[in-house]
Amino acid sequence: MTALLTAEPNDYSQTMATLNTDAFTEESVWIRRAQKSDSRAFESLYKLHIGRVYGICLRMTANVSEAEDCAQEAFIQAWNKLDKFRGGSAFSTWLHRIAVNTVLGRIRKSQREQDRILAVAQLADSPIDAGDSGELRDLSDAVGKLPQGARNVFVLHAIYGYSHDETGAMLGIAAGTSKAQLHRAKRMLAQQLKQQGYRA
């Protein structure tokens, strides 16, 4: 942070690149140590990634308690499979795939899948940042009401920025199906928000 405050404008990009490289290097060290059964290193990885992993699980399940369970299960699986991580993709991407598979596996095993698909998200019960607006909460509720397939694609593509190819690979669907589901999700969200009085 001190480096950022003291850097000249022309040095900003170089400073940011250095900071990003340092962060990546530190994560790589934690990964290597965790692969040697260093639980403290894995705890550091957990603290670094739990927020986004939980976010994926929450938006896909639309249920706070299930999201918590899925996030914890994802990290348990990650710990057990850590020796299989070879660095072919970013660690966060590898971890997100595990989280997605955890959620999908939970849904497949549940006899109440239809109820979950139609359920209203329980995001009002989750921690909300002080800066969150009513509009964001309304959008979160609207996302939670989407059918499971459309919601999964919207979460991974529109919120987390994965490409349609990556989204399709995670969900086991074709990239074209991902695009169609995203279009469906956007259309349904627009309809829901319009009903609540928001204008496009």
N, C-alpha and C. Protein backbone atom coordinates (compact mmCIF):
# COMPACT_ATOMS: atom_id res chain seq x y z
N MET A 1 0.84 -1.20 0.00
CA MET A 1 0.00 0.00 0.00
C MET A 1 0.87 1.24 0.00
N THR A 2 1.95 1.25 0.79
CA THR A 2 2.87 2.39 0.82
C THR A 2 3.46 2.62 -0.54
N ALA A 3 3.79 1.53 -1.24
CA ALA A 3 4.36 1.66 -2.58
C ALA A 3 3.39 2.36 -3.51
N LEU A 4 2.10 2.06 -3.39
CA LEU A 4 1.09 2.70 -4.23
C LEU A 4 0.99 4.18 -3.93
N LEU A 5 1.05 4.53 -2.67
CA LEU A 5 0.89 5.92 -2.27
C LEU A 5 2.07 6.78 -2.69
N THR A 6 3.24 6.17 -2.78
CA THR A 6 4.44 6.95 -3.09
C THR A 6 4.85 6.86 -4.54
N ALA A 7 4.23 5.98 -5.30
CA ALA A 7 4.63 5.79 -6.70
C ALA A 7 4.22 6.98 -7.55
N GLU A 8 5.05 7.31 -8.52
CA GLU A 8 4.70 8.32 -9.51
C GLU A 8 3.64 7.74 -10.44
N PRO A 9 2.84 8.60 -11.08
CA PRO A 9 1.79 8.12 -11.98
C PRO A 9 2.30 7.13 -13.02
N ASN A 10 3.49 7.38 -13.57
CA ASN A 10 4.03 6.50 -14.60
C ASN A 10 4.44 5.15 -14.03
N ASP A 11 4.62 5.10 -12.71
CA ASP A 11 5.05 3.85 -12.07
C ASP A 11 3.87 3.01 -11.62
N TYR A 12 2.65 3.51 -11.78
CA TYR A 12 1.48 2.83 -11.20
C TYR A 12 1.30 1.43 -11.77
N SER A 13 1.32 1.31 -13.11
CA SER A 13 1.11 0.00 -13.73
C SER A 13 2.17 -0.99 -13.32
N GLN A 14 3.41 -0.53 -13.27
CA GLN A 14 4.50 -1.41 -12.87
C GLN A 14 4.34 -1.83 -11.42
N THR A 15 3.92 -0.89 -10.57
CA THR A 15 3.72 -1.20 -9.15
C THR A 15 2.61 -2.23 -8.98
N MET A 16 1.49 -2.03 -9.70
CA MET A 16 0.38 -2.97 -9.60
C MET A 16 0.80 -4.35 -10.08
N ALA A 17 1.58 -4.39 -11.16
CA ALA A 17 2.04 -5.67 -11.69
C ALA A 17 2.91 -6.40 -10.68
N THR A 18 3.74 -5.62 -9.98
CA THR A 18 4.61 -6.21 -8.96
C THR A 18 3.79 -6.77 -7.82
N LEU A 19 2.77 -5.99 -7.38
CA LEU A 19 1.92 -6.45 -6.28
C LEU A 19 1.15 -7.70 -6.67
N ASN A 20 0.61 -7.73 -7.90
CA ASN A 20 -0.12 -8.90 -8.36
C ASN A 20 0.78 -10.12 -8.45
N THR A 21 2.02 -9.90 -8.91
CA THR A 21 2.98 -11.00 -9.01
C THR A 21 3.32 -11.53 -7.63
N ASP A 22 3.52 -10.61 -6.67
CA ASP A 22 3.82 -11.02 -5.30
C ASP A 22 2.68 -11.86 -4.72
N ALA A 23 1.43 -11.42 -4.95
CA ALA A 23 0.27 -12.14 -4.43
C ALA A 23 0.17 -13.53 -5.05
N PHE A 24 0.44 -13.60 -6.36
CA PHE A 24 0.38 -14.88 -7.05
C PHE A 24 1.47 -15.81 -6.53
N THR A 25 2.66 -15.25 -6.33
CA THR A 25 3.78 -16.04 -5.81
C THR A 25 3.46 -16.58 -4.43
N GLU A 26 2.88 -15.74 -3.57
CA GLU A 26 2.53 -16.17 -2.23
C GLU A 26 1.51 -17.30 -2.27
N GLU A 27 0.51 -17.18 -3.14
CA GLU A 27 -0.49 -18.23 -3.27
C GLU A 27 0.17 -19.52 -3.74
N SER A 28 1.10 -19.42 -4.68
CA SER A 28 1.79 -20.60 -5.20
C SER A 28 2.56 -21.31 -4.09
N VAL A 29 3.15 -20.52 -3.21
CA VAL A 29 3.88 -21.11 -2.08
C VAL A 29 2.92 -21.86 -1.17
N TRP A 30 1.78 -21.24 -0.88
CA TRP A 30 0.77 -21.89 -0.04
C TRP A 30 0.30 -23.20 -0.67
N ILE A 31 0.09 -23.19 -2.00
CA ILE A 31 -0.37 -24.39 -2.69
C ILE A 31 0.66 -25.51 -2.55
N ARG A 32 1.92 -25.19 -2.81
CA ARG A 32 2.97 -26.22 -2.72
C ARG A 32 3.07 -26.78 -1.31
N ARG A 33 2.97 -25.91 -0.31
CA ARG A 33 3.05 -26.37 1.07
C ARG A 33 1.83 -27.21 1.44
N ALA A 34 0.66 -26.76 0.99
CA ALA A 34 -0.56 -27.51 1.29
C ALA A 34 -0.52 -28.88 0.65
N GLN A 35 0.07 -28.98 -0.54
CA GLN A 35 0.18 -30.27 -1.21
C GLN A 35 1.09 -31.23 -0.45
N LYS A 36 1.86 -30.68 0.48
CA LYS A 36 2.71 -31.51 1.34
C LYS A 36 2.07 -31.68 2.72
N SER A 37 0.73 -31.51 2.75
CA SER A 37 -0.07 -31.71 3.96
C SER A 37 0.14 -30.64 5.03
N ASP A 38 0.51 -29.43 4.59
CA ASP A 38 0.65 -28.30 5.52
C ASP A 38 -0.74 -27.68 5.71
N SER A 39 -1.37 -27.98 6.84
CA SER A 39 -2.74 -27.49 7.07
C SER A 39 -2.79 -25.99 7.24
N ARG A 40 -1.73 -25.38 7.77
CA ARG A 40 -1.72 -23.92 7.93
C ARG A 40 -1.71 -23.23 6.57
N ALA A 41 -0.98 -23.79 5.62
CA ALA A 41 -0.94 -23.22 4.28
C ALA A 41 -2.32 -23.34 3.63
N PHE A 42 -2.98 -24.49 3.83
CA PHE A 42 -4.32 -24.66 3.26
C PHE A 42 -5.31 -23.71 3.92
N GLU A 43 -5.12 -23.45 5.20
CA GLU A 43 -5.98 -22.49 5.89
C GLU A 43 -5.85 -21.11 5.26
N SER A 44 -4.63 -20.75 4.84
CA SER A 44 -4.42 -19.47 4.17
C SER A 44 -5.15 -19.44 2.83
N LEU A 45 -5.11 -20.56 2.10
CA LEU A 45 -5.85 -20.65 0.84
C LEU A 45 -7.35 -20.56 1.07
N TYR A 46 -7.80 -21.20 2.15
CA TYR A 46 -9.21 -21.16 2.52
C TYR A 46 -9.66 -19.72 2.76
N LYS A 47 -8.90 -19.00 3.56
CA LYS A 47 -9.26 -17.62 3.88
C LYS A 47 -9.25 -16.73 2.64
N LEU A 48 -8.35 -17.05 1.71
CA LEU A 48 -8.24 -16.24 0.49
C LEU A 48 -9.42 -16.46 -0.45
N HIS A 49 -9.95 -17.68 -0.49
CA HIS A 49 -10.95 -18.03 -1.51
C HIS A 49 -12.35 -18.30 -0.98
N ILE A 50 -12.54 -18.41 0.32
CA ILE A 50 -13.85 -18.81 0.84
C ILE A 50 -14.97 -17.86 0.43
N GLY A 51 -14.68 -16.58 0.36
CA GLY A 51 -15.71 -15.60 0.02
C GLY A 51 -16.33 -15.86 -1.34
N ARG A 52 -15.50 -16.06 -2.35
CA ARG A 52 -16.00 -16.27 -3.71
C ARG A 52 -16.61 -17.66 -3.87
N VAL A 53 -16.03 -18.65 -3.21
CA VAL A 53 -16.59 -20.00 -3.28
C VAL A 53 -17.98 -20.01 -2.64
N TYR A 54 -18.10 -19.39 -1.47
CA TYR A 54 -19.41 -19.31 -0.82
C TYR A 54 -20.40 -18.53 -1.69
N GLY A 55 -19.92 -17.49 -2.33
CA GLY A 55 -20.79 -16.69 -3.20
C GLY A 55 -21.36 -17.52 -4.34
N ILE A 56 -20.51 -18.34 -4.96
CA ILE A 56 -20.99 -19.22 -6.03
C ILE A 56 -22.05 -20.18 -5.50
N CYS A 57 -21.74 -20.80 -4.36
CA CYS A 57 -22.66 -21.78 -3.79
C CYS A 57 -23.99 -21.13 -3.40
N LEU A 58 -23.92 -19.94 -2.84
CA LEU A 58 -25.14 -19.25 -2.42
C LEU A 58 -26.02 -18.90 -3.61
N ARG A 59 -25.42 -18.39 -4.65
CA ARG A 59 -26.20 -17.99 -5.81
C ARG A 59 -26.75 -19.19 -6.58
N MET A 60 -26.03 -20.30 -6.55
CA MET A 60 -26.52 -21.49 -7.25
C MET A 60 -27.61 -22.21 -6.46
N THR A 61 -27.48 -22.26 -5.13
CA THR A 61 -28.47 -22.96 -4.33
C THR A 61 -29.62 -22.07 -3.91
N ALA A 62 -29.37 -20.75 -3.84
CA ALA A 62 -30.36 -19.79 -3.34
C ALA A 62 -30.81 -20.16 -1.94
N ASN A 63 -29.90 -20.72 -1.16
CA ASN A 63 -30.23 -21.16 0.19
C ASN A 63 -28.99 -21.03 1.05
N VAL A 64 -29.08 -20.23 2.10
CA VAL A 64 -27.91 -19.91 2.92
C VAL A 64 -27.29 -21.14 3.56
N SER A 65 -28.10 -21.96 4.23
CA SER A 65 -27.54 -23.12 4.93
C SER A 65 -26.94 -24.13 3.97
N GLU A 66 -27.61 -24.34 2.82
CA GLU A 66 -27.06 -25.26 1.83
C GLU A 66 -25.77 -24.72 1.22
N ALA A 67 -25.72 -23.41 1.02
CA ALA A 67 -24.51 -22.79 0.48
C ALA A 67 -23.34 -22.98 1.43
N GLU A 68 -23.59 -22.81 2.72
CA GLU A 68 -22.54 -23.01 3.71
C GLU A 68 -22.04 -24.45 3.68
N ASP A 69 -22.98 -25.39 3.61
CA ASP A 69 -22.60 -26.81 3.56
C ASP A 69 -21.80 -27.12 2.31
N CYS A 70 -22.26 -26.60 1.17
CA CYS A 70 -21.58 -26.85 -0.10
C CYS A 70 -20.18 -26.25 -0.12
N ALA A 71 -20.04 -25.04 0.42
CA ALA A 71 -18.73 -24.39 0.45
C ALA A 71 -17.76 -25.19 1.30
N GLN A 72 -18.22 -25.64 2.46
CA GLN A 72 -17.35 -26.44 3.33
C GLN A 72 -16.98 -27.76 2.66
N GLU A 73 -17.96 -28.40 2.02
CA GLU A 73 -17.71 -29.66 1.33
C GLU A 73 -16.72 -29.46 0.18
N ALA A 74 -16.84 -28.33 -0.52
CA ALA A 74 -15.93 -28.04 -1.62
C ALA A 74 -14.49 -27.95 -1.13
N PHE A 75 -14.28 -27.31 -0.01
CA PHE A 75 -12.92 -27.19 0.52
C PHE A 75 -12.40 -28.53 1.05
N ILE A 76 -13.28 -29.34 1.59
CA ILE A 76 -12.87 -30.68 2.02
C ILE A 76 -12.41 -31.50 0.81
N GLN A 77 -13.19 -31.40 -0.27
CA GLN A 77 -12.80 -32.11 -1.49
C GLN A 77 -11.50 -31.55 -2.05
N ALA A 78 -11.35 -30.23 -2.01
CA ALA A 78 -10.14 -29.60 -2.52
C ALA A 78 -8.91 -30.09 -1.74
N TRP A 79 -9.05 -30.19 -0.43
CA TRP A 79 -7.95 -30.69 0.41
C TRP A 79 -7.59 -32.12 0.02
N ASN A 80 -8.63 -32.94 -0.20
CA ASN A 80 -8.39 -34.34 -0.54
C ASN A 80 -7.83 -34.53 -1.94
N LYS A 81 -8.13 -33.58 -2.84
CA LYS A 81 -7.71 -33.70 -4.24
C LYS A 81 -6.54 -32.78 -4.58
N LEU A 82 -5.97 -32.13 -3.59
CA LEU A 82 -4.97 -31.09 -3.85
C LEU A 82 -3.76 -31.63 -4.60
N ASP A 83 -3.43 -32.90 -4.40
CA ASP A 83 -2.28 -33.46 -5.10
C ASP A 83 -2.52 -33.57 -6.60
N LYS A 84 -3.80 -33.47 -7.02
CA LYS A 84 -4.15 -33.56 -8.44
C LYS A 84 -4.08 -32.20 -9.14
N PHE A 85 -3.94 -31.13 -8.35
CA PHE A 85 -3.84 -29.80 -8.97
C PHE A 85 -2.45 -29.64 -9.57
N ARG A 86 -2.41 -29.41 -10.88
CA ARG A 86 -1.13 -29.31 -11.58
C ARG A 86 -0.83 -27.90 -12.08
N GLY A 87 -1.72 -26.98 -11.83
CA GLY A 87 -1.47 -25.61 -12.25
C GLY A 87 -1.80 -25.33 -13.70
N GLY A 88 -2.54 -26.25 -14.35
CA GLY A 88 -2.93 -26.02 -15.74
C GLY A 88 -3.90 -24.86 -15.88
N SER A 89 -4.62 -24.55 -14.81
CA SER A 89 -5.52 -23.39 -14.77
C SER A 89 -5.25 -22.67 -13.45
N ALA A 90 -5.87 -21.52 -13.28
CA ALA A 90 -5.72 -20.79 -12.02
C ALA A 90 -6.30 -21.64 -10.89
N PHE A 91 -5.71 -21.53 -9.72
CA PHE A 91 -6.19 -22.29 -8.57
C PHE A 91 -7.64 -21.95 -8.28
N SER A 92 -8.00 -20.67 -8.43
CA SER A 92 -9.38 -20.25 -8.17
C SER A 92 -10.35 -20.93 -9.13
N THR A 93 -9.95 -21.08 -10.40
CA THR A 93 -10.80 -21.75 -11.38
C THR A 93 -10.99 -23.21 -11.00
N TRP A 94 -9.90 -23.87 -10.63
CA TRP A 94 -9.95 -25.27 -10.20
C TRP A 94 -10.88 -25.42 -8.98
N LEU A 95 -10.76 -24.49 -8.05
CA LEU A 95 -11.57 -24.53 -6.84
C LEU A 95 -13.04 -24.26 -7.16
N HIS A 96 -13.30 -23.34 -8.06
CA HIS A 96 -14.69 -23.02 -8.43
C HIS A 96 -15.35 -24.22 -9.11
N ARG A 97 -14.58 -24.97 -9.91
CA ARG A 97 -15.14 -26.16 -10.55
C ARG A 97 -15.57 -27.18 -9.50
N ILE A 98 -14.75 -27.33 -8.48
CA ILE A 98 -15.10 -28.25 -7.40
C ILE A 98 -16.38 -27.79 -6.71
N ALA A 99 -16.48 -26.48 -6.47
CA ALA A 99 -17.67 -25.94 -5.82
C ALA A 99 -18.91 -26.17 -6.66
N VAL A 100 -18.80 -25.91 -7.96
CA VAL A 100 -19.94 -26.12 -8.87
C VAL A 100 -20.36 -27.59 -8.86
N ASN A 101 -19.38 -28.49 -8.96
CA ASN A 101 -19.70 -29.92 -8.95
C ASN A 101 -20.33 -30.35 -7.63
N THR A 102 -19.89 -29.73 -6.54
CA THR A 102 -20.46 -30.04 -5.23
C THR A 102 -21.94 -29.65 -5.19
N VAL A 103 -22.24 -28.46 -5.68
CA VAL A 103 -23.64 -28.00 -5.70
C VAL A 103 -24.49 -28.88 -6.60
N LEU A 104 -23.98 -29.17 -7.80
CA LEU A 104 -24.75 -29.99 -8.74
C LEU A 104 -24.97 -31.40 -8.18
N GLY A 105 -23.96 -31.94 -7.52
CA GLY A 105 -24.11 -33.26 -6.92
C GLY A 105 -25.16 -33.27 -5.83
N ARG A 106 -25.18 -32.20 -5.05
CA ARG A 106 -26.17 -32.09 -3.97
C ARG A 106 -27.58 -31.99 -4.55
N ILE A 107 -27.72 -31.25 -5.64
CA ILE A 107 -29.02 -31.09 -6.26
C ILE A 107 -29.51 -32.42 -6.83
N ARG A 108 -28.60 -33.14 -7.49
CA ARG A 108 -28.98 -34.42 -8.10
C ARG A 108 -29.44 -35.43 -7.04
N LYS A 109 -28.81 -35.38 -5.87
CA LYS A 109 -29.14 -36.34 -4.82
C LYS A 109 -30.43 -35.98 -4.09
N SER A 110 -30.82 -34.74 -4.18
CA SER A 110 -31.97 -34.29 -3.41
C SER A 110 -33.28 -34.68 -4.08
N GLN A 111 -34.21 -35.16 -3.27
CA GLN A 111 -35.53 -35.50 -3.78
C GLN A 111 -36.41 -34.25 -3.88
N ARG A 112 -35.87 -33.13 -3.42
CA ARG A 112 -36.67 -31.91 -3.42
C ARG A 112 -36.15 -30.91 -4.43
N GLU A 113 -35.59 -31.41 -5.52
CA GLU A 113 -34.98 -30.51 -6.51
C GLU A 113 -35.98 -29.50 -7.07
N GLN A 114 -37.16 -29.95 -7.38
CA GLN A 114 -38.14 -29.03 -7.96
C GLN A 114 -38.47 -27.90 -7.00
N ASP A 115 -38.58 -28.24 -5.72
CA ASP A 115 -38.85 -27.19 -4.73
C ASP A 115 -37.70 -26.19 -4.69
N ARG A 116 -36.48 -26.69 -4.81
CA ARG A 116 -35.32 -25.80 -4.76
C ARG A 116 -35.29 -24.90 -5.98
N ILE A 117 -35.63 -25.46 -7.14
CA ILE A 117 -35.61 -24.68 -8.38
C ILE A 117 -36.58 -23.50 -8.29
N LEU A 118 -37.74 -23.75 -7.67
CA LEU A 118 -38.78 -22.73 -7.62
C LEU A 118 -38.70 -21.85 -6.37
N ALA A 119 -37.82 -22.22 -5.44
CA ALA A 119 -37.78 -21.50 -4.16
C ALA A 119 -37.26 -20.08 -4.33
N VAL A 120 -37.74 -19.22 -3.48
CA VAL A 120 -37.23 -17.85 -3.43
C VAL A 120 -35.93 -17.86 -2.64
N ALA A 121 -34.92 -17.13 -3.12
CA ALA A 121 -33.63 -17.11 -2.44
C ALA A 121 -33.77 -16.57 -1.02
N GLN A 122 -32.96 -17.11 -0.15
CA GLN A 122 -32.97 -16.67 1.25
C GLN A 122 -31.83 -15.69 1.51
N LEU A 123 -31.52 -14.87 0.49
CA LEU A 123 -30.39 -13.96 0.61
C LEU A 123 -30.59 -12.91 1.70
N ALA A 124 -31.84 -12.66 2.07
CA ALA A 124 -32.09 -11.67 3.11
C ALA A 124 -31.52 -12.12 4.44
N ASP A 125 -31.30 -13.43 4.57
CA ASP A 125 -30.75 -13.95 5.81
C ASP A 125 -29.23 -13.99 5.80
N SER A 126 -28.61 -13.69 4.64
CA SER A 126 -27.15 -13.73 4.56
C SER A 126 -26.56 -12.38 4.90
N PRO A 127 -25.27 -12.37 5.29
CA PRO A 127 -24.63 -11.09 5.63
C PRO A 127 -24.66 -10.13 4.46
N ILE A 128 -25.08 -8.90 4.69
CA ILE A 128 -25.16 -7.88 3.64
C ILE A 128 -24.19 -6.76 3.99
N ASP A 129 -23.35 -6.40 3.03
CA ASP A 129 -22.42 -5.30 3.25
C ASP A 129 -23.18 -4.00 3.47
N ALA A 130 -22.58 -3.14 4.26
CA ALA A 130 -23.26 -1.88 4.59
C ALA A 130 -23.54 -1.05 3.35
N GLY A 131 -22.71 -1.24 2.30
CA GLY A 131 -22.89 -0.43 1.10
C GLY A 131 -23.90 -0.99 0.13
N ASP A 132 -24.42 -2.19 0.39
CA ASP A 132 -25.39 -2.77 -0.52
C ASP A 132 -26.67 -1.94 -0.54
N SER A 133 -27.21 -1.77 -1.75
CA SER A 133 -28.42 -0.98 -1.89
C SER A 133 -29.63 -1.89 -2.00
N GLY A 134 -30.81 -1.29 -1.89
CA GLY A 134 -32.04 -2.06 -2.05
C GLY A 134 -32.14 -2.65 -3.44
N GLU A 135 -31.61 -1.94 -4.45
CA GLU A 135 -31.66 -2.44 -5.81
C GLU A 135 -30.86 -3.73 -5.94
N LEU A 136 -29.69 -3.80 -5.31
CA LEU A 136 -28.88 -5.00 -5.37
C LEU A 136 -29.56 -6.16 -4.68
N ARG A 137 -30.22 -5.89 -3.57
CA ARG A 137 -30.93 -6.96 -2.87
C ARG A 137 -32.10 -7.46 -3.72
N ASP A 138 -32.79 -6.52 -4.41
CA ASP A 138 -33.88 -6.93 -5.30
C ASP A 138 -33.34 -7.79 -6.43
N LEU A 139 -32.17 -7.43 -6.97
CA LEU A 139 -31.57 -8.20 -8.04
C LEU A 139 -31.17 -9.59 -7.54
N SER A 140 -30.62 -9.65 -6.34
CA SER A 140 -30.24 -10.95 -5.76
C SER A 140 -31.46 -11.84 -5.59
N ASP A 141 -32.56 -11.25 -5.11
CA ASP A 141 -33.80 -12.01 -4.97
C ASP A 141 -34.28 -12.51 -6.33
N ALA A 142 -34.18 -11.66 -7.34
CA ALA A 142 -34.63 -12.03 -8.67
C ALA A 142 -33.78 -13.17 -9.23
N VAL A 143 -32.48 -13.11 -9.01
CA VAL A 143 -31.59 -14.18 -9.46
C VAL A 143 -31.96 -15.49 -8.76
N GLY A 144 -32.28 -15.39 -7.48
CA GLY A 144 -32.64 -16.58 -6.72
C GLY A 144 -33.91 -17.25 -7.21
N LYS A 145 -34.76 -16.50 -7.91
CA LYS A 145 -36.03 -17.05 -8.40
C LYS A 145 -35.90 -17.68 -9.79
N LEU A 146 -34.73 -17.54 -10.40
CA LEU A 146 -34.54 -18.12 -11.73
C LEU A 146 -34.55 -19.65 -11.66
N PRO A 147 -35.00 -20.31 -12.73
CA PRO A 147 -34.87 -21.78 -12.79
C PRO A 147 -33.40 -22.16 -12.63
N GLN A 148 -33.16 -23.35 -12.12
CA GLN A 148 -31.80 -23.76 -11.77
C GLN A 148 -30.80 -23.59 -12.91
N GLY A 149 -31.15 -24.09 -14.10
CA GLY A 149 -30.21 -24.02 -15.22
C GLY A 149 -29.85 -22.60 -15.59
N ALA A 150 -30.85 -21.74 -15.70
CA ALA A 150 -30.61 -20.35 -16.05
C ALA A 150 -29.81 -19.64 -14.95
N ARG A 151 -30.14 -19.96 -13.70
CA ARG A 151 -29.43 -19.33 -12.58
C ARG A 151 -27.96 -19.73 -12.57
N ASN A 152 -27.68 -21.02 -12.78
CA ASN A 152 -26.30 -21.48 -12.77
C ASN A 152 -25.46 -20.76 -13.81
N VAL A 153 -26.00 -20.66 -15.02
CA VAL A 153 -25.28 -19.98 -16.10
C VAL A 153 -25.10 -18.51 -15.78
N PHE A 154 -26.15 -17.86 -15.29
CA PHE A 154 -26.06 -16.43 -14.99
C PHE A 154 -24.99 -16.18 -13.92
N VAL A 155 -24.97 -17.02 -12.90
CA VAL A 155 -23.99 -16.85 -11.82
C VAL A 155 -22.56 -16.98 -12.35
N LEU A 156 -22.30 -18.05 -13.10
CA LEU A 156 -20.93 -18.30 -13.55
C LEU A 156 -20.49 -17.34 -14.64
N HIS A 157 -21.39 -17.01 -15.58
CA HIS A 157 -20.99 -16.16 -16.71
C HIS A 157 -21.10 -14.67 -16.39
N ALA A 158 -22.29 -14.26 -15.94
CA ALA A 158 -22.53 -12.83 -15.76
C ALA A 158 -21.92 -12.28 -14.47
N ILE A 159 -21.90 -13.09 -13.41
CA ILE A 159 -21.40 -12.60 -12.13
C ILE A 159 -19.91 -12.89 -11.95
N TYR A 160 -19.50 -14.13 -12.29
CA TYR A 160 -18.11 -14.51 -12.05
C TYR A 160 -17.22 -14.41 -13.28
N GLY A 161 -17.82 -14.12 -14.42
CA GLY A 161 -17.01 -13.78 -15.60
C GLY A 161 -16.44 -14.94 -16.39
N TYR A 162 -16.92 -16.15 -16.17
CA TYR A 162 -16.42 -17.27 -16.96
C TYR A 162 -17.01 -17.22 -18.36
N SER A 163 -16.23 -17.67 -19.35
CA SER A 163 -16.72 -17.70 -20.72
C SER A 163 -17.80 -18.77 -20.84
N HIS A 164 -18.50 -18.76 -21.99
CA HIS A 164 -19.53 -19.77 -22.19
C HIS A 164 -18.90 -21.16 -22.29
N ASP A 165 -17.71 -21.25 -22.87
CA ASP A 165 -17.02 -22.54 -22.94
C ASP A 165 -16.70 -23.04 -21.53
N GLU A 166 -16.16 -22.15 -20.68
CA GLU A 166 -15.82 -22.53 -19.31
C GLU A 166 -17.07 -22.88 -18.50
N THR A 167 -18.10 -22.04 -18.67
CA THR A 167 -19.36 -22.28 -17.96
C THR A 167 -19.95 -23.63 -18.37
N GLY A 168 -19.95 -23.88 -19.67
CA GLY A 168 -20.48 -25.15 -20.17
C GLY A 168 -19.71 -26.35 -19.62
N ALA A 169 -18.37 -26.21 -19.57
CA ALA A 169 -17.55 -27.30 -19.06
C ALA A 169 -17.85 -27.58 -17.59
N MET A 170 -18.05 -26.52 -16.81
CA MET A 170 -18.33 -26.69 -15.39
C MET A 170 -19.70 -27.35 -15.17
N LEU A 171 -20.68 -26.98 -16.00
CA LEU A 171 -22.04 -27.45 -15.79
C LEU A 171 -22.38 -28.69 -16.61
N GLY A 172 -21.45 -29.10 -17.49
CA GLY A 172 -21.71 -30.27 -18.31
C GLY A 172 -22.71 -30.03 -19.42
N ILE A 173 -22.70 -28.81 -19.97
CA ILE A 173 -23.59 -28.47 -21.07
C ILE A 173 -22.78 -27.85 -22.20
N ALA A 174 -23.38 -27.76 -23.38
CA ALA A 174 -22.70 -27.15 -24.52
C ALA A 174 -22.63 -25.63 -24.35
N ALA A 175 -21.63 -25.03 -25.00
CA ALA A 175 -21.49 -23.57 -24.93
C ALA A 175 -22.74 -22.89 -25.48
N GLY A 176 -23.33 -23.48 -26.52
CA GLY A 176 -24.55 -22.91 -27.09
C GLY A 176 -25.71 -22.95 -26.11
N THR A 177 -25.77 -24.02 -25.33
CA THR A 177 -26.81 -24.12 -24.31
C THR A 177 -26.59 -23.07 -23.24
N SER A 178 -25.32 -22.83 -22.90
CA SER A 178 -24.99 -21.80 -21.92
C SER A 178 -25.48 -20.43 -22.41
N LYS A 179 -25.25 -20.15 -23.68
CA LYS A 179 -25.69 -18.86 -24.25
C LYS A 179 -27.22 -18.75 -24.20
N ALA A 180 -27.89 -19.84 -24.53
CA ALA A 180 -29.35 -19.82 -24.52
C ALA A 180 -29.88 -19.62 -23.10
N GLN A 181 -29.26 -20.28 -22.13
CA GLN A 181 -29.69 -20.14 -20.75
C GLN A 181 -29.42 -18.72 -20.23
N LEU A 182 -28.32 -18.12 -20.66
CA LEU A 182 -28.03 -16.74 -20.25
C LEU A 182 -29.08 -15.80 -20.81
N HIS A 183 -29.44 -15.99 -22.08
CA HIS A 183 -30.47 -15.16 -22.69
C HIS A 183 -31.79 -15.32 -21.93
N ARG A 184 -32.12 -16.55 -21.58
CA ARG A 184 -33.33 -16.82 -20.82
C ARG A 184 -33.28 -16.14 -19.46
N ALA A 185 -32.14 -16.23 -18.79
CA ALA A 185 -31.99 -15.62 -17.47
C ALA A 185 -32.17 -14.11 -17.53
N LYS A 186 -31.55 -13.48 -18.53
CA LYS A 186 -31.65 -12.03 -18.66
C LYS A 186 -33.08 -11.60 -18.94
N ARG A 187 -33.77 -12.36 -19.79
CA ARG A 187 -35.15 -12.03 -20.11
C ARG A 187 -36.04 -12.14 -18.88
N MET A 188 -35.85 -13.21 -18.11
CA MET A 188 -36.67 -13.42 -16.92
C MET A 188 -36.35 -12.38 -15.84
N LEU A 189 -35.06 -12.02 -15.71
CA LEU A 189 -34.69 -11.00 -14.74
C LEU A 189 -35.32 -9.66 -15.10
N ALA A 190 -35.28 -9.34 -16.39
CA ALA A 190 -35.87 -8.08 -16.84
C ALA A 190 -37.37 -8.04 -16.53
N GLN A 191 -38.04 -9.17 -16.74
CA GLN A 191 -39.47 -9.23 -16.45
C GLN A 191 -39.75 -9.08 -14.97
N GLN A 192 -38.94 -9.76 -14.15
CA GLN A 192 -39.14 -9.66 -12.70
C GLN A 192 -38.92 -8.25 -12.19
N LEU A 193 -37.83 -7.63 -12.64
CA LEU A 193 -37.51 -6.28 -12.16
C LEU A 193 -38.52 -5.26 -12.68
N LYS A 194 -39.03 -5.49 -13.88
CA LYS A 194 -40.07 -4.60 -14.41
C LYS A 194 -41.31 -4.67 -13.55
N GLN A 195 -41.67 -5.87 -13.11
CA GLN A 195 -42.83 -6.05 -12.26
C GLN A 195 -42.66 -5.35 -10.91
N GLN A 196 -41.39 -5.20 -10.50
CA GLN A 196 -41.11 -4.53 -9.24
C GLN A 196 -40.97 -3.02 -9.41
N GLY A 197 -41.16 -2.53 -10.63
CA GLY A 197 -41.16 -1.10 -10.84
C GLY A 197 -39.87 -0.53 -11.37
N TYR A 198 -38.89 -1.39 -11.72
CA TYR A 198 -37.63 -0.90 -12.25
C TYR A 198 -37.73 -0.77 -13.76
N ARG A 199 -37.09 0.26 -14.28
CA ARG A 199 -37.07 0.46 -15.72
C ARG A 199 -35.72 0.06 -16.28
N ALA A 200 -35.74 -0.55 -17.46
CA ALA A 200 -34.49 -0.98 -18.10
C ALA A 200 -33.68 0.22 -18.54
